[in-house]
């Protein structure tokens, strides 16, 4: 039995996906990653859209199930955008990209926590409920982290808070347990 799901972590929508094509490992974002059309009405300068696609196959063993998971992080470039008309200098562009990298790092942290959690979980007959519960709980945690990140940094305009978050992200990436 095979199940496939996708959680959109940069916006609060659940969507289903049946293709693993285009999934990407962790990397540094560039301006070329932002191919979407800017939303000029939002008052926002940039938007990063990431999704975590997951699927699994279940195999019964005695009184439990072994679930083989695929949990992939994807940057959706066609839905991510930067309003270049609102960016006056190369320094400002670098600051915007650094802030948007933070949203991508949050998505990466979620993917890695999901991988660690499901690898340590024993699944029983209610494995669908268990898997959904794990994904929903961890996804809610990282949605809140995204909101906290934007609020604390005032969408990157509070440079002191942005530096604090940058240090937090660097530490998390450096000391992240294996997935």
Protein backbone atom coordinates (compact mmCIF):
# COMPACT_ATOMS: atom_id res chain seq x y z
CA UNK A 1 0.00 0.00 0.00
CA UNK A 2 1.49 3.37 -0.97
CA UNK A 3 0.48 6.82 0.27
CA UNK A 4 1.73 10.18 -0.95
CA UNK A 5 1.22 13.58 0.63
CA UNK A 6 2.69 17.07 0.44
CA UNK A 7 2.70 19.78 3.06
CA UNK A 8 3.25 23.36 1.98
CA UNK A 9 5.19 24.98 4.76
CA UNK A 10 5.54 28.56 3.59
CA UNK A 11 1.80 28.98 3.21
CA UNK A 12 -0.94 27.19 5.09
CA UNK A 13 -2.27 24.90 2.35
CA UNK A 14 -2.18 21.11 2.01
CA UNK A 15 -1.86 19.78 -1.51
CA UNK A 16 -1.34 16.34 -2.99
CA UNK A 17 1.55 15.53 -5.27
CA UNK A 18 2.30 12.46 -7.32
CA UNK A 19 5.70 13.41 -8.71
CA UNK A 20 9.07 13.38 -6.98
CA UNK A 21 10.66 15.21 -9.93
CA UNK A 22 12.35 18.47 -9.03
CA UNK A 23 12.89 17.75 -5.33
CA UNK A 24 16.02 19.46 -4.11
CA UNK A 25 18.51 18.94 -1.26
CA UNK A 26 19.57 21.84 0.98
CA UNK A 27 21.34 24.61 -0.88
CA UNK A 28 22.02 28.35 -0.92
CA UNK A 29 19.29 30.35 -2.67
CA UNK A 30 20.06 32.83 -5.47
CA UNK A 31 17.96 35.46 -7.19
CA UNK A 32 17.42 32.94 -10.01
CA UNK A 33 15.33 30.82 -7.62
CA UNK A 34 12.63 33.49 -7.57
CA UNK A 35 10.80 33.12 -10.89
CA UNK A 36 7.22 33.85 -9.76
CA UNK A 37 5.29 37.03 -10.38
CA UNK A 38 5.50 39.48 -7.44
CA UNK A 39 2.32 40.26 -5.56
CA UNK A 40 2.41 44.06 -5.68
CA UNK A 41 -0.68 44.40 -3.45
CA UNK A 42 0.84 42.57 -0.49
CA UNK A 43 3.37 45.24 0.48
CA UNK A 44 5.88 42.42 0.63
CA UNK A 45 9.24 42.58 -1.13
CA UNK A 46 9.86 38.83 -1.42
CA UNK A 47 8.16 35.50 -0.88
CA UNK A 48 9.67 32.01 -0.67
CA UNK A 49 7.42 29.05 -1.38
CA UNK A 50 8.68 25.65 -0.25
CA UNK A 51 6.91 22.35 0.04
CA UNK A 52 7.68 19.07 1.67
CA UNK A 53 6.42 16.13 -0.31
CA UNK A 54 6.13 12.82 1.44
CA UNK A 55 5.06 9.37 0.54
CA UNK A 56 5.40 5.96 2.07
CA UNK A 57 4.80 2.32 1.45
CA UNK A 58 3.60 0.08 4.26
CA UNK A 59 4.59 -3.54 4.82
CA UNK A 60 3.12 -5.68 7.61
CA UNK A 61 5.53 -7.47 9.95
CA UNK A 62 4.07 -9.56 12.80
CA UNK A 63 2.07 -7.06 14.92
CA UNK A 64 3.51 -3.84 13.46
CA UNK A 65 4.13 -2.17 10.09
CA UNK A 66 7.34 -1.06 8.45
CA UNK A 67 6.85 2.19 6.59
CA UNK A 68 9.35 3.17 3.93
CA UNK A 69 9.21 6.97 3.67
CA UNK A 70 10.29 9.42 1.00
CA UNK A 71 10.34 12.97 2.40
CA UNK A 72 11.51 15.56 -0.11
CA UNK A 73 12.07 19.31 0.20
CA UNK A 74 11.24 21.41 -2.84
CA UNK A 75 11.67 25.11 -3.50
CA UNK A 76 8.82 26.13 -5.78
CA UNK A 77 10.62 28.72 -7.90
CA UNK A 78 7.56 29.46 -10.01
CA UNK A 79 5.69 30.52 -6.85
CA UNK A 80 8.63 32.26 -5.14
CA UNK A 81 9.28 35.87 -6.08
CA UNK A 82 11.25 39.03 -5.38
CA UNK A 83 9.86 42.46 -6.26
CA UNK A 84 13.09 43.80 -7.79
CA UNK A 85 11.49 47.20 -8.37
CA UNK A 86 11.43 47.76 -4.60
CA UNK A 87 15.10 46.89 -4.09
CA UNK A 88 17.38 49.91 -4.40
CA UNK A 89 20.86 48.47 -3.84
CA UNK A 90 22.89 45.28 -4.11
CA UNK A 91 23.24 45.34 -0.30
CA UNK A 92 19.46 45.41 0.10
CA UNK A 93 19.15 42.46 -2.33
CA UNK A 94 21.70 40.51 -0.29
CA UNK A 95 19.72 41.22 2.90
CA UNK A 96 16.47 40.10 1.26
CA UNK A 97 18.08 36.89 -0.03
CA UNK A 98 19.56 36.21 3.42
CA UNK A 99 16.12 36.59 5.00
CA UNK A 100 14.49 34.35 2.39
CA UNK A 101 17.25 31.78 2.96
CA UNK A 102 15.98 31.65 6.54
CA UNK A 103 12.55 30.53 5.32
CA UNK A 104 14.24 27.85 3.22
CA UNK A 105 16.30 26.72 6.23
CA UNK A 106 13.10 26.39 8.27
CA UNK A 107 11.70 24.14 5.53
CA UNK A 108 14.92 22.11 5.56
CA UNK A 109 14.79 21.78 9.36
CA UNK A 110 11.21 20.50 9.09
CA UNK A 111 12.19 17.92 6.48
CA UNK A 112 15.08 16.71 8.63
CA UNK A 113 12.92 16.46 11.78
CA UNK A 114 10.31 14.49 9.85
CA UNK A 115 12.98 12.08 8.60
CA UNK A 116 14.38 11.59 12.12
CA UNK A 117 10.94 11.16 13.70
CA UNK A 118 9.52 8.60 11.28
CA UNK A 119 12.74 6.59 11.38
CA UNK A 120 12.33 6.19 15.16
CA UNK A 121 8.60 5.44 15.16
CA UNK A 122 7.06 1.98 15.46
CA UNK A 123 3.89 1.90 13.40
CA UNK A 124 0.88 -0.31 14.12
CA UNK A 125 -2.43 -0.98 12.35
CA UNK A 126 -3.36 2.71 12.66
CA UNK A 127 -0.18 3.72 10.78
CA UNK A 128 -2.06 6.15 8.52
CA UNK A 129 -3.32 8.05 11.57
CA UNK A 130 0.12 7.88 13.20
CA UNK A 131 1.89 9.20 10.10
CA UNK A 132 -0.64 12.00 9.60
CA UNK A 133 -0.34 12.96 13.26
CA UNK A 134 3.47 13.15 13.02
CA UNK A 135 3.34 15.27 9.87
CA UNK A 136 0.62 17.58 11.18
CA UNK A 137 2.36 18.12 14.54
CA UNK A 138 5.77 18.85 13.04
CA UNK A 139 4.31 20.99 10.24
CA UNK A 140 2.42 23.14 12.79
CA UNK A 141 5.67 23.65 14.73
CA UNK A 142 7.51 24.95 11.67
CA UNK A 143 4.60 27.08 10.43
CA UNK A 144 4.78 28.84 13.81
CA UNK A 145 8.56 29.14 13.51
CA UNK A 146 8.10 30.85 10.12
CA UNK A 147 5.62 33.30 11.67
CA UNK A 148 7.94 33.98 14.62
CA UNK A 149 10.87 34.52 12.24
CA UNK A 150 9.01 37.16 10.22
CA UNK A 151 7.60 38.84 13.33
CA UNK A 152 10.94 38.96 15.18
CA UNK A 153 12.90 40.23 12.19
CA UNK A 154 10.07 42.46 10.97
CA UNK A 155 10.53 40.75 7.60
CA UNK A 156 14.30 41.39 7.71
CA UNK A 157 14.10 45.13 8.55
CA UNK A 158 15.18 44.57 12.17
CA UNK A 159 18.83 43.84 11.42
CA UNK A 160 19.79 42.95 14.99
CA UNK A 161 17.06 40.31 15.17
CA UNK A 162 17.96 39.11 11.67
CA UNK A 163 21.57 38.59 12.80
CA UNK A 164 20.30 36.68 15.82
CA UNK A 165 18.20 34.40 13.63
CA UNK A 166 21.10 33.98 11.18
CA UNK A 167 23.28 32.77 14.07
CA UNK A 168 20.48 30.41 15.21
CA UNK A 169 20.15 28.97 11.70
CA UNK A 170 23.91 28.53 11.35
CA UNK A 171 24.07 26.69 14.67
CA UNK A 172 21.13 24.46 13.74
CA UNK A 173 22.69 23.59 10.38
CA UNK A 174 26.09 22.91 11.94
CA UNK A 175 24.80 20.68 14.74
CA UNK A 176 21.78 19.10 13.03
CA UNK A 177 21.52 15.40 13.82
CA UNK A 178 21.51 13.12 10.79
CA UNK A 179 18.11 12.65 9.08
